[in-house]
Amino acid sequence: MSAITKKTKKSSDNINSHLALVMKSGKYSLGFKSTLKAIRNGKAKLVILSANCPPLRKSEIEYYAMLSKTFVHHYSGNNIELGTACGKLFRVGVLAITDAGDSDIINQQA
């Protein structure tokens, strides 16, 4: 039982460290509207959705991502935890990474 929780904790720590690196060195867009624009323009490489993202919003993002062949990662934490992982003091429900910078988050999630 503890091995399973340890693995999920390690993977969430891993994505958090990659996110921090993207926030410093890469390009990204936070929020639903700007993420949709990035997906539609073909600029988004990876989309990250929080666990408590509304179902209609989640399905819309997943649909656009499927059309544009963009990878979608379902973040295990809620929008408050995703905002904290991004180093922001506000909630982040949806995040699109357009340029990973020094991080290899796109290769890792793909």
PDB file of N, CA and C in Angstrom:
ATOM      1  N   MET A   1       0.824  -1.200   0.000  1.00  0.00           N
ATOM      2  CA  MET A   1       0.000   0.000   0.000  1.00  0.00           C
ATOM      3  C   MET A   1       0.863   1.257   0.000  1.00  0.00           C
ATOM      4  N   SER A   2       1.904   1.285   0.821  1.00  0.00           N
ATOM      5  CA  SER A   2       2.735   2.480   0.904  1.00  0.00           C
ATOM      6  C   SER A   2       3.573   2.663  -0.364  1.00  0.00           C
ATOM      7  N   ALA A   3       3.871   1.569  -1.066  1.00  0.00           N
ATOM      8  CA  ALA A   3       4.636   1.674  -2.307  1.00  0.00           C
ATOM      9  C   ALA A   3       3.839   2.425  -3.370  1.00  0.00           C
ATOM     10  N   ILE A   4       2.535   2.210  -3.397  1.00  0.00           N
ATOM     11  CA  ILE A   4       1.686   2.885  -4.380  1.00  0.00           C
ATOM     12  C   ILE A   4       1.632   4.382  -4.090  1.00  0.00           C
ATOM     13  N   THR A   5       1.415   4.742  -2.839  1.00  0.00           N
ATOM     14  CA  THR A   5       1.344   6.168  -2.488  1.00  0.00           C
ATOM     15  C   THR A   5       2.702   6.834  -2.684  1.00  0.00           C
ATOM     16  N   LYS A   6       3.778   6.104  -2.453  1.00  0.00           N
ATOM     17  CA  LYS A   6       5.106   6.660  -2.639  1.00  0.00           C
ATOM     18  C   LYS A   6       5.357   6.954  -4.114  1.00  0.00           C
ATOM     19  N   LYS A   7       4.901   6.062  -4.992  1.00  0.00           N
ATOM     20  CA  LYS A   7       5.088   6.251  -6.425  1.00  0.00           C
ATOM     21  C   LYS A   7       4.300   7.459  -6.928  1.00  0.00           C
ATOM     22  N   THR A   8       3.056   7.607  -6.496  1.00  0.00           N
ATOM     23  CA  THR A   8       2.265   8.746  -6.939  1.00  0.00           C
ATOM     24  C   THR A   8       2.836  10.051  -6.396  1.00  0.00           C
ATOM     25  N   LYS A   9       3.339  10.019  -5.164  1.00  0.00           N
ATOM     26  CA  LYS A   9       3.946  11.221  -4.590  1.00  0.00           C
ATOM     27  C   LYS A   9       5.201  11.588  -5.370  1.00  0.00           C
ATOM     28  N   LYS A  10       6.008  10.576  -5.747  1.00  0.00           N
ATOM     29  CA  LYS A  10       7.234  10.840  -6.488  1.00  0.00           C
ATOM     30  C   LYS A  10       6.916  11.401  -7.874  1.00  0.00           C
ATOM     31  N   SER A  11       5.907  10.855  -8.550  1.00  0.00           N
ATOM     32  CA  SER A  11       5.562  11.352  -9.882  1.00  0.00           C
ATOM     33  C   SER A  11       5.007  12.772  -9.809  1.00  0.00           C
ATOM     34  N   SER A  12       4.238  13.092  -8.754  1.00  0.00           N
ATOM     35  CA  SER A  12       3.724  14.456  -8.621  1.00  0.00           C
ATOM     36  C   SER A  12       4.853  15.430  -8.299  1.00  0.00           C
ATOM     37  N   ASP A  13       5.831  14.989  -7.494  1.00  0.00           N
ATOM     38  CA  ASP A  13       6.996  15.833  -7.227  1.00  0.00           C
ATOM     39  C   ASP A  13       7.778  16.082  -8.511  1.00  0.00           C
ATOM     40  N   ASN A  14       7.862  15.037  -9.342  1.00  0.00           N
ATOM     41  CA  ASN A  14       8.586  15.131 -10.598  1.00  0.00           C
ATOM     42  C   ASN A  14       7.931  16.151 -11.529  1.00  0.00           C
ATOM     43  N   ILE A  15       6.624  16.074 -11.679  1.00  0.00           N
ATOM     44  CA  ILE A  15       5.912  17.028 -12.554  1.00  0.00           C
ATOM     45  C   ILE A  15       6.002  18.437 -11.972  1.00  0.00           C
ATOM     46  N   ASN A  16       5.975  18.555 -10.642  1.00  0.00           N
ATOM     47  CA  ASN A  16       6.087  19.877 -10.007  1.00  0.00           C
ATOM     48  C   ASN A  16       7.444  20.508 -10.284  1.00  0.00           C
ATOM     49  N   SER A  17       8.510  19.712 -10.210  1.00  0.00           N
ATOM     50  CA  SER A  17       9.846  20.261 -10.467  1.00  0.00           C
ATOM     51  C   SER A  17       9.994  20.650 -11.937  1.00  0.00           C
ATOM     52  N   HIS A  18       9.412  19.841 -12.834  1.00  0.00           N
ATOM     53  CA  HIS A  18       9.451  20.188 -14.254  1.00  0.00           C
ATOM     54  C   HIS A  18       8.642  21.460 -14.516  1.00  0.00           C
ATOM     55  N   LEU A  19       7.497  21.588 -13.845  1.00  0.00           N
ATOM     56  CA  LEU A  19       6.671  22.787 -14.012  1.00  0.00           C
ATOM     57  C   LEU A  19       7.416  24.036 -13.548  1.00  0.00           C
ATOM     58  N   ALA A  20       8.109  23.918 -12.429  1.00  0.00           N
ATOM     59  CA  ALA A  20       8.868  25.063 -11.917  1.00  0.00           C
ATOM     60  C   ALA A  20       9.927  25.498 -12.925  1.00  0.00           C
ATOM     61  N   LEU A  21      10.565  24.519 -13.565  1.00  0.00           N
ATOM     62  CA  LEU A  21      11.588  24.830 -14.571  1.00  0.00           C
ATOM     63  C   LEU A  21      10.972  25.490 -15.806  1.00  0.00           C
ATOM     64  N   VAL A  22       9.788  25.031 -16.213  1.00  0.00           N
ATOM     65  CA  VAL A  22       9.088  25.641 -17.354  1.00  0.00           C
ATOM     66  C   VAL A  22       8.715  27.077 -17.030  1.00  0.00           C
ATOM     67  N   MET A  23       8.262  27.323 -15.792  1.00  0.00           N
ATOM     68  CA  MET A  23       7.860  28.673 -15.397  1.00  0.00           C
ATOM     69  C   MET A  23       9.044  29.630 -15.453  1.00  0.00           C
ATOM     70  N   LYS A  24      10.242  29.129 -15.151  1.00  0.00           N
ATOM     71  CA  LYS A  24      11.429  29.988 -15.173  1.00  0.00           C
ATOM     72  C   LYS A  24      11.954  30.203 -16.592  1.00  0.00           C
ATOM     73  N   SER A  25      12.055  29.112 -17.372  1.00  0.00           N
ATOM     74  CA  SER A  25      12.785  29.211 -18.636  1.00  0.00           C
ATOM     75  C   SER A  25      11.930  29.057 -19.882  1.00  0.00           C
ATOM     76  N   GLY A  26      10.682  28.627 -19.751  1.00  0.00           N
ATOM     77  CA  GLY A  26       9.865  28.354 -20.932  1.00  0.00           C
ATOM     78  C   GLY A  26       8.775  29.380 -21.152  1.00  0.00           C
ATOM     79  N   LYS A  27       7.887  29.042 -22.091  1.00  0.00           N
ATOM     80  CA  LYS A  27       6.731  29.891 -22.383  1.00  0.00           C
ATOM     81  C   LYS A  27       5.475  29.070 -22.144  1.00  0.00           C
ATOM     82  N   TYR A  28       4.470  29.724 -21.596  1.00  0.00           N
ATOM     83  CA  TYR A  28       3.247  29.022 -21.214  1.00  0.00           C
ATOM     84  C   TYR A  28       2.091  30.007 -21.217  1.00  0.00           C
ATOM     85  N   SER A  29       0.886  29.473 -21.176  1.00  0.00           N
ATOM     86  CA  SER A  29      -0.289  30.325 -21.018  1.00  0.00           C
ATOM     87  C   SER A  29      -1.184  29.701 -19.963  1.00  0.00           C
ATOM     88  N   LEU A  30      -1.634  30.510 -19.043  1.00  0.00           N
ATOM     89  CA  LEU A  30      -2.476  30.060 -17.952  1.00  0.00           C
ATOM     90  C   LEU A  30      -3.921  30.424 -18.252  1.00  0.00           C
ATOM     91  N   GLY A  31      -4.829  29.523 -17.915  1.00  0.00           N
ATOM     92  CA  GLY A  31      -6.242  29.824 -18.058  1.00  0.00           C
ATOM     93  C   GLY A  31      -6.883  29.174 -19.263  1.00  0.00           C
ATOM     94  N   PHE A  32      -8.185  29.097 -19.218  1.00  0.00           N
ATOM     95  CA  PHE A  32      -8.974  28.390 -20.219  1.00  0.00           C
ATOM     96  C   PHE A  32      -8.924  29.073 -21.584  1.00  0.00           C
ATOM     97  N   LYS A  33      -9.209  30.385 -21.615  1.00  0.00           N
ATOM     98  CA  LYS A  33      -9.291  31.099 -22.889  1.00  0.00           C
ATOM     99  C   LYS A  33      -7.955  31.120 -23.624  1.00  0.00           C
ATOM    100  N   SER A  34      -6.889  31.456 -22.920  1.00  0.00           N
ATOM    101  CA  SER A  34      -5.585  31.537 -23.585  1.00  0.00           C
ATOM    102  C   SER A  34      -5.063  30.158 -23.968  1.00  0.00           C
ATOM    103  N   THR A  35      -5.435  29.120 -23.203  1.00  0.00           N
ATOM    104  CA  THR A  35      -5.051  27.758 -23.559  1.00  0.00           C
ATOM    105  C   THR A  35      -5.763  27.334 -24.838  1.00  0.00           C
ATOM    106  N   LEU A  36      -7.064  27.653 -24.944  1.00  0.00           N
ATOM    107  CA  LEU A  36      -7.800  27.331 -26.169  1.00  0.00           C
ATOM    108  C   LEU A  36      -7.200  28.039 -27.377  1.00  0.00           C
ATOM    109  N   LYS A  37      -6.801  29.295 -27.205  1.00  0.00           N
ATOM    110  CA  LYS A  37      -6.175  30.036 -28.298  1.00  0.00           C
ATOM    111  C   LYS A  37      -4.864  29.375 -28.714  1.00  0.00           C
ATOM    112  N   ALA A  38      -4.070  28.963 -27.722  1.00  0.00           N
ATOM    113  CA  ALA A  38      -2.788  28.319 -28.024  1.00  0.00           C
ATOM    114  C   ALA A  38      -2.992  26.995 -28.748  1.00  0.00           C
ATOM    115  N   ILE A  39      -4.010  26.239 -28.341  1.00  0.00           N
ATOM    116  CA  ILE A  39      -4.294  24.957 -29.001  1.00  0.00           C
ATOM    117  C   ILE A  39      -4.768  25.200 -30.428  1.00  0.00           C
ATOM    118  N   ARG A  40      -5.682  26.157 -30.608  1.00  0.00           N
ATOM    119  CA  ARG A  40      -6.228  26.452 -31.936  1.00  0.00           C
ATOM    120  C   ARG A  40      -5.152  26.947 -32.892  1.00  0.00           C
ATOM    121  N   ASN A  41      -4.204  27.721 -32.381  1.00  0.00           N
ATOM    122  CA  ASN A  41      -3.119  28.236 -33.224  1.00  0.00           C
ATOM    123  C   ASN A  41      -2.020  27.209 -33.450  1.00  0.00           C
ATOM    124  N   GLY A  42      -2.118  26.064 -32.775  1.00  0.00           N
ATOM    125  CA  GLY A  42      -1.115  25.012 -32.943  1.00  0.00           C
ATOM    126  C   GLY A  42       0.171  25.269 -32.199  1.00  0.00           C
ATOM    127  N   LYS A  43       0.151  26.176 -31.220  1.00  0.00           N
ATOM    128  CA  LYS A  43       1.360  26.518 -30.480  1.00  0.00           C
ATOM    129  C   LYS A  43       1.557  25.667 -29.236  1.00  0.00           C
ATOM    130  N   ALA A  44       0.471  25.106 -28.707  1.00  0.00           N
ATOM    131  CA  ALA A  44       0.561  24.337 -27.451  1.00  0.00           C
ATOM    132  C   ALA A  44       1.219  22.989 -27.711  1.00  0.00           C
ATOM    133  N   LYS A  45       2.200  22.649 -26.874  1.00  0.00           N
ATOM    134  CA  LYS A  45       2.866  21.350 -26.960  1.00  0.00           C
ATOM    135  C   LYS A  45       2.292  20.371 -25.941  1.00  0.00           C
ATOM    136  N   LEU A  46       1.900  20.905 -24.791  1.00  0.00           N
ATOM    137  CA  LEU A  46       1.359  20.076 -23.708  1.00  0.00           C
ATOM    138  C   LEU A  46       0.317  20.894 -22.955  1.00  0.00           C
ATOM    139  N   VAL A  47      -0.797  20.255 -22.609  1.00  0.00           N
ATOM    140  CA  VAL A  47      -1.853  20.907 -21.831  1.00  0.00           C
ATOM    141  C   VAL A  47      -1.970  20.166 -20.511  1.00  0.00           C
ATOM    142  N   ILE A  48      -2.016  20.909 -19.415  1.00  0.00           N
ATOM    143  CA  ILE A  48      -2.159  20.319 -18.085  1.00  0.00           C
ATOM    144  C   ILE A  48      -3.487  20.777 -17.497  1.00  0.00           C
ATOM    145  N   LEU A  49      -4.302  19.808 -17.083  1.00  0.00           N
ATOM    146  CA  LEU A  49      -5.617  20.083 -16.492  1.00  0.00           C
ATOM    147  C   LEU A  49      -5.599  19.707 -15.021  1.00  0.00           C
ATOM    148  N   SER A  50      -6.172  20.540 -14.170  1.00  0.00           N
ATOM    149  CA  SER A  50      -6.263  20.203 -12.752  1.00  0.00           C
ATOM    150  C   SER A  50      -7.354  19.157 -12.540  1.00  0.00           C
ATOM    151  N   ALA A  51      -7.333  18.517 -11.388  1.00  0.00           N
ATOM    152  CA  ALA A  51      -8.280  17.436 -11.098  1.00  0.00           C
ATOM    153  C   ALA A  51      -9.709  17.951 -10.946  1.00  0.00           C
ATOM    154  N   ASN A  52      -9.862  19.178 -10.462  1.00  0.00           N
ATOM    155  CA  ASN A  52     -11.220  19.693 -10.240  1.00  0.00           C
ATOM    156  C   ASN A  52     -11.665  20.663 -11.337  1.00  0.00           C
ATOM    157  N   CYS A  53     -11.098  20.514 -12.516  1.00  0.00           N
ATOM    158  CA  CYS A  53     -11.541  21.301 -13.676  1.00  0.00           C
ATOM    159  C   CYS A  53     -12.959  20.852 -14.043  1.00  0.00           C
ATOM    160  N   PRO A  54     -13.876  21.783 -14.324  1.00  0.00           N
ATOM    161  CA  PRO A  54     -15.253  21.392 -14.654  1.00  0.00           C
ATOM    162  C   PRO A  54     -15.298  20.437 -15.851  1.00  0.00           C
ATOM    163  N   PRO A  55     -16.177  19.440 -15.813  1.00  0.00           N
ATOM    164  CA  PRO A  55     -16.211  18.410 -16.859  1.00  0.00           C
ATOM    165  C   PRO A  55     -16.422  18.943 -18.274  1.00  0.00           C
ATOM    166  N   LEU A  56     -17.279  19.948 -18.435  1.00  0.00           N
ATOM    167  CA  LEU A  56     -17.529  20.503 -19.759  1.00  0.00           C
ATOM    168  C   LEU A  56     -16.268  21.170 -20.307  1.00  0.00           C
ATOM    169  N   ARG A  57     -15.588  21.911 -19.463  1.00  0.00           N
ATOM    170  CA  ARG A  57     -14.348  22.573 -19.842  1.00  0.00           C
ATOM    171  C   ARG A  57     -13.276  21.540 -20.191  1.00  0.00           C
ATOM    172  N   LYS A  58     -13.192  20.513 -19.346  1.00  0.00           N
ATOM    173  CA  LYS A  58     -12.206  19.453 -19.547  1.00  0.00           C
ATOM    174  C   LYS A  58     -12.428  18.756 -20.886  1.00  0.00           C
ATOM    175  N   SER A  59     -13.680  18.432 -21.194  1.00  0.00           N
ATOM    176  CA  SER A  59     -13.970  17.732 -22.443  1.00  0.00           C
ATOM    177  C   SER A  59     -13.714  18.628 -23.658  1.00  0.00           C
ATOM    178  N   GLU A  60     -13.988  19.920 -23.523  1.00  0.00           N
ATOM    179  CA  GLU A  60     -13.732  20.848 -24.625  1.00  0.00           C
ATOM    180  C   GLU A  60     -12.241  20.957 -24.917  1.00  0.00           C
ATOM    181  N   ILE A  61     -11.441  21.084 -23.861  1.00  0.00           N
ATOM    182  CA  ILE A  61      -9.981  21.148 -24.020  1.00  0.00           C
ATOM    183  C   ILE A  61      -9.461  19.847 -24.628  1.00  0.00           C
ATOM    184  N   GLU A  62      -9.949  18.709 -24.115  1.00  0.00           N
ATOM    185  CA  GLU A  62      -9.496  17.416 -24.630  1.00  0.00           C
ATOM    186  C   GLU A  62      -9.866  17.250 -26.102  1.00  0.00           C
ATOM    187  N   TYR A  63     -11.042  17.736 -26.492  1.00  0.00           N
ATOM    188  CA  TYR A  63     -11.478  17.633 -27.885  1.00  0.00           C
ATOM    189  C   TYR A  63     -10.568  18.446 -28.801  1.00  0.00           C
ATOM    190  N   TYR A  64     -10.319  19.710 -28.444  1.00  0.00           N
ATOM    191  CA  TYR A  64      -9.431  20.553 -29.245  1.00  0.00           C
ATOM    192  C   TYR A  64      -8.018  19.978 -29.284  1.00  0.00           C
ATOM    193  N   ALA A  65      -7.560  19.453 -28.150  1.00  0.00           N
ATOM    194  CA  ALA A  65      -6.217  18.868 -28.086  1.00  0.00           C
ATOM    195  C   ALA A  65      -6.122  17.639 -28.978  1.00  0.00           C
ATOM    196  N   MET A  66      -7.186  16.839 -29.012  1.00  0.00           N
ATOM    197  CA  MET A  66      -7.197  15.654 -29.860  1.00  0.00           C
ATOM    198  C   MET A  66      -7.138  16.062 -31.338  1.00  0.00           C
ATOM    199  N   LEU A  67      -7.857  17.115 -31.701  1.00  0.00           N
ATOM    200  CA  LEU A  67      -7.835  17.582 -33.088  1.00  0.00           C
ATOM    201  C   LEU A  67      -6.460  18.099 -33.489  1.00  0.00           C
ATOM    202  N   SER A  68      -5.790  18.775 -32.572  1.00  0.00           N
ATOM    203  CA  SER A  68      -4.483  19.358 -32.891  1.00  0.00           C
ATOM    204  C   SER A  68      -3.317  18.435 -32.518  1.00  0.00           C
ATOM    205  N   LYS A  69      -3.630  17.227 -32.056  1.00  0.00           N
ATOM    206  CA  LYS A  69      -2.616  16.232 -31.665  1.00  0.00           C
ATOM    207  C   LYS A  69      -1.680  16.767 -30.577  1.00  0.00           C
ATOM    208  N   THR A  70      -2.269  17.422 -29.590  1.00  0.00           N
ATOM    209  CA  THR A  70      -1.538  17.947 -28.444  1.00  0.00           C
ATOM    210  C   THR A  70      -1.732  16.999 -27.269  1.00  0.00           C
ATOM    211  N   PHE A  71      -0.674  16.760 -26.520  1.00  0.00           N
ATOM    212  CA  PHE A  71      -0.768  15.876 -25.359  1.00  0.00           C
ATOM    213  C   PHE A  71      -1.474  16.578 -24.210  1.00  0.00           C
ATOM    214  N   VAL A  72      -2.288  15.820 -23.467  1.00  0.00           N
ATOM    215  CA  VAL A  72      -3.003  16.339 -22.302  1.00  0.00           C
ATOM    216  C   VAL A  72      -2.562  15.548 -21.084  1.00  0.00           C
ATOM    217  N   HIS A  73      -2.160  16.265 -20.031  1.00  0.00           N
ATOM    218  CA  HIS A  73      -1.788  15.617 -18.768  1.00  0.00           C
ATOM    219  C   HIS A  73      -2.816  15.998 -17.719  1.00  0.00           C
ATOM    220  N   HIS A  74      -3.363  15.002 -17.036  1.00  0.00           N
ATOM    221  CA  HIS A  74      -4.317  15.257 -15.961  1.00  0.00           C
ATOM    222  C   HIS A  74      -3.539  15.340 -14.655  1.00  0.00           C
ATOM    223  N   TYR A  75      -3.422  16.563 -14.136  1.00  0.00           N
ATOM    224  CA  TYR A  75      -2.684  16.803 -12.889  1.00  0.00           C
ATOM    225  C   TYR A  75      -3.457  16.196 -11.726  1.00  0.00           C
ATOM    226  N   SER A  76      -2.745  15.541 -10.834  1.00  0.00           N
ATOM    227  CA  SER A  76      -3.409  14.815  -9.745  1.00  0.00           C
ATOM    228  C   SER A  76      -3.998  15.739  -8.684  1.00  0.00           C
ATOM    229  N   GLY A  77      -3.461  16.957  -8.540  1.00  0.00           N
ATOM    230  CA  GLY A  77      -3.957  17.883  -7.531  1.00  0.00           C
ATOM    231  C   GLY A  77      -5.046  18.789  -8.065  1.00  0.00           C
ATOM    232  N   ASN A  78      -5.655  19.563  -7.160  1.00  0.00           N
ATOM    233  CA  ASN A  78      -6.701  20.492  -7.583  1.00  0.00           C
ATOM    234  C   ASN A  78      -6.083  21.775  -8.149  1.00  0.00           C
ATOM    235  N   ASN A  79      -6.929  22.748  -8.480  1.00  0.00           N
ATOM    236  CA  ASN A  79      -6.435  23.962  -9.122  1.00  0.00           C
ATOM    237  C   ASN A  79      -5.569  24.822  -8.189  1.00  0.00           C
ATOM    238  N   ILE A  80      -5.786  24.721  -6.895  1.00  0.00           N
ATOM    239  CA  ILE A  80      -4.951  25.469  -5.941  1.00  0.00           C
ATOM    240  C   ILE A  80      -3.536  24.893  -5.940  1.00  0.00           C
ATOM    241  N   GLU A  81      -3.448  23.561  -5.932  1.00  0.00           N
ATOM    242  CA  GLU A  81      -2.131  22.900  -5.933  1.00  0.00           C
ATOM    243  C   GLU A  81      -1.396  23.127  -7.256  1.00  0.00           C
ATOM    244  N   LEU A  82      -2.136  23.159  -8.367  1.00  0.00           N
ATOM    245  CA  LEU A  82      -1.507  23.425  -9.668  1.00  0.00           C
ATOM    246  C   LEU A  82      -0.965  24.848  -9.719  1.00  0.00           C
ATOM    247  N   GLY A  83      -1.720  25.789  -9.161  1.00  0.00           N
ATOM    248  CA  GLY A  83      -1.234  27.168  -9.084  1.00  0.00           C
ATOM    249  C   GLY A  83       0.017  27.290  -8.240  1.00  0.00           C
ATOM    250  N   THR A  84       0.053  26.569  -7.128  1.00  0.00           N
ATOM    251  CA  THR A  84       1.231  26.571  -6.266  1.00  0.00           C
ATOM    252  C   THR A  84       2.422  25.944  -6.973  1.00  0.00           C
ATOM    253  N   ALA A  85       2.182  24.858  -7.712  1.00  0.00           N
ATOM    254  CA  ALA A  85       3.263  24.195  -8.454  1.00  0.00           C
ATOM    255  C   ALA A  85       3.833  25.114  -9.531  1.00  0.00           C
ATOM    256  N   CYS A  86       2.980  26.004 -10.063  1.00  0.00           N
ATOM    257  CA  CYS A  86       3.433  26.968 -11.066  1.00  0.00           C
ATOM    258  C   CYS A  86       4.132  28.162 -10.430  1.00  0.00           C
ATOM    259  N   GLY A  87       4.119  28.240  -9.113  1.00  0.00           N
ATOM    260  CA  GLY A  87       4.746  29.358  -8.421  1.00  0.00           C
ATOM    261  C   GLY A  87       3.866  30.590  -8.388  1.00  0.00           C
ATOM    262  N   LYS A  88       2.572  30.408  -8.586  1.00  0.00           N
ATOM    263  CA  LYS A  88       1.642  31.528  -8.574  1.00  0.00           C
ATOM    264  C   LYS A  88       0.867  31.540  -7.260  1.00  0.00           C
ATOM    265  N   LEU A  89       0.347  32.688  -6.909  1.00  0.00           N
ATOM    266  CA  LEU A  89      -0.431  32.819  -5.682  1.00  0.00           C
ATOM    267  C   LEU A  89      -1.929  32.772  -5.968  1.00  0.00           C
ATOM    268  N   PHE A  90      -2.285  32.259  -7.118  1.00  0.00           N
ATOM    269  CA  PHE A  90      -3.694  32.119  -7.478  1.00  0.00           C
ATOM    270  C   PHE A  90      -3.935  30.728  -8.048  1.00  0.00           C
ATOM    271  N   ARG A  91      -5.207  30.412  -8.257  1.00  0.00           N
ATOM    272  CA  ARG A  91      -5.581  29.080  -8.752  1.00  0.00           C
ATOM    273  C   ARG A  91      -5.369  28.989 -10.257  1.00  0.00           C
ATOM    274  N   VAL A  92      -4.926  27.815 -10.709  1.00  0.00           N
ATOM    275  CA  VAL A  92      -4.732  27.572 -12.132  1.00  0.00           C
ATOM    276  C   VAL A  92      -5.454  26.281 -12.483  1.00  0.00           C
ATOM    277  N   GLY A  93      -6.506  26.373 -13.294  1.00  0.00           N
ATOM    278  CA  GLY A  93      -7.264  25.186 -13.673  1.00  0.00           C
ATOM    279  C   GLY A  93      -6.715  24.524 -14.923  1.00  0.00           C
ATOM    280  N   VAL A  94      -6.265  25.351 -15.878  1.00  0.00           N
ATOM    281  CA  VAL A  94      -5.765  24.851 -17.157  1.00  0.00           C
ATOM    282  C   VAL A  94      -4.478  25.589 -17.490  1.00  0.00           C
ATOM    283  N   LEU A  95      -3.521  24.864 -18.048  1.00  0.00           N
ATOM    284  CA  LEU A  95      -2.217  25.427 -18.367  1.00  0.00           C
ATOM    285  C   LEU A  95      -1.739  24.831 -19.676  1.00  0.00           C
ATOM    286  N   ALA A  96      -1.283  25.666 -20.604  1.00  0.00           N
ATOM    287  CA  ALA A  96      -0.718  25.188 -21.866  1.00  0.00           C
ATOM    288  C   ALA A  96       0.749  25.570 -21.929  1.00  0.00           C
ATOM    289  N   ILE A  97       1.593  24.606 -22.234  1.00  0.00           N
ATOM    290  CA  ILE A  97       3.019  24.859 -22.383  1.00  0.00           C
ATOM    291  C   ILE A  97       3.311  24.985 -23.869  1.00  0.00           C
ATOM    292  N   THR A  98       3.798  26.160 -24.283  1.00  0.00           N
ATOM    293  CA  THR A  98       4.115  26.387 -25.689  1.00  0.00           C
ATOM    294  C   THR A  98       5.590  26.155 -25.976  1.00  0.00           C
ATOM    295  N   ASP A  99       6.440  26.442 -24.995  1.00  0.00           N
ATOM    296  CA  ASP A  99       7.875  26.198 -25.138  1.00  0.00           C
ATOM    297  C   ASP A  99       8.397  25.719 -23.796  1.00  0.00           C
ATOM    298  N   ALA A 100       8.982  24.528 -23.752  1.00  0.00           N
ATOM    299  CA  ALA A 100       9.388  23.927 -22.483  1.00  0.00           C
ATOM    300  C   ALA A 100      10.644  24.555 -21.899  1.00  0.00           C
ATOM    301  N   GLY A 101      11.410  25.285 -22.682  1.00  0.00           N
ATOM    302  CA  GLY A 101      12.644  25.879 -22.165  1.00  0.00           C
ATOM    303  C   GLY A 101      13.676  24.809 -21.859  1.00  0.00           C
ATOM    304  N   ASP A 102      14.243  24.848 -20.657  1.00  0.00           N
ATOM    305  CA  ASP A 102      15.272  23.883 -20.255  1.00  0.00           C
ATOM    306  C   ASP A 102      14.687  22.555 -19.780  1.00  0.00           C
ATOM    307  N   SER A 103      13.392  22.504 -19.583  1.00  0.00           N
ATOM    308  CA  SER A 103      12.747  21.307 -19.038  1.00  0.00           C
ATOM    309  C   SER A 103      12.463  20.293 -20.148  1.00  0.00           C
ATOM    310  N   ASP A 104      12.414  19.005 -19.775  1.00  0.00           N
ATOM    311  CA  ASP A 104      12.050  17.956 -20.731  1.00  0.00           C
ATOM    312  C   ASP A 104      10.664  17.399 -20.397  1.00  0.00           C
ATOM    313  N   ILE A 105       9.779  18.272 -19.949  1.00  0.00           N
ATOM    314  CA  ILE A 105       8.444  17.863 -19.502  1.00  0.00           C
ATOM    315  C   ILE A 105       7.618  17.293 -20.654  1.00  0.00           C
ATOM    316  N   ILE A 106       7.790  17.805 -21.856  1.00  0.00           N
ATOM    317  CA  ILE A 106       6.992  17.335 -22.993  1.00  0.00           C
ATOM    318  C   ILE A 106       7.382  15.915 -23.368  1.00  0.00           C
ATOM    319  N   ASN A 107       8.696  15.638 -23.397  1.00  0.00           N
ATOM    320  CA  ASN A 107       9.164  14.282 -23.710  1.00  0.00           C
ATOM    321  C   ASN A 107       8.771  13.297 -22.626  1.00  0.00           C
ATOM    322  N   GLN A 108       8.771  13.751 -21.384  1.00  0.00           N
ATOM    323  CA  GLN A 108       8.448  12.881 -20.267  1.00  0.00           C
ATOM    324  C   GLN A 108       6.972  12.501 -20.266  1.00  0.00           C
ATOM    325  N   GLN A 109       6.079  13.452 -20.588  1.00  0.00           N
ATOM    326  CA  GLN A 109       4.641  13.195 -20.561  1.00  0.00           C
ATOM    327  C   GLN A 109       4.151  12.482 -21.816  1.00  0.00           C
ATOM    328  N   ALA A 110       4.896  12.601 -22.892  1.00  0.00           N
ATOM    329  CA  ALA A 110       4.448  11.990 -24.162  1.00  0.00           C
ATOM    330  C   ALA A 110       4.640  10.510 -24.237  1.00  0.00           C
TER     331      ALA A 110
END
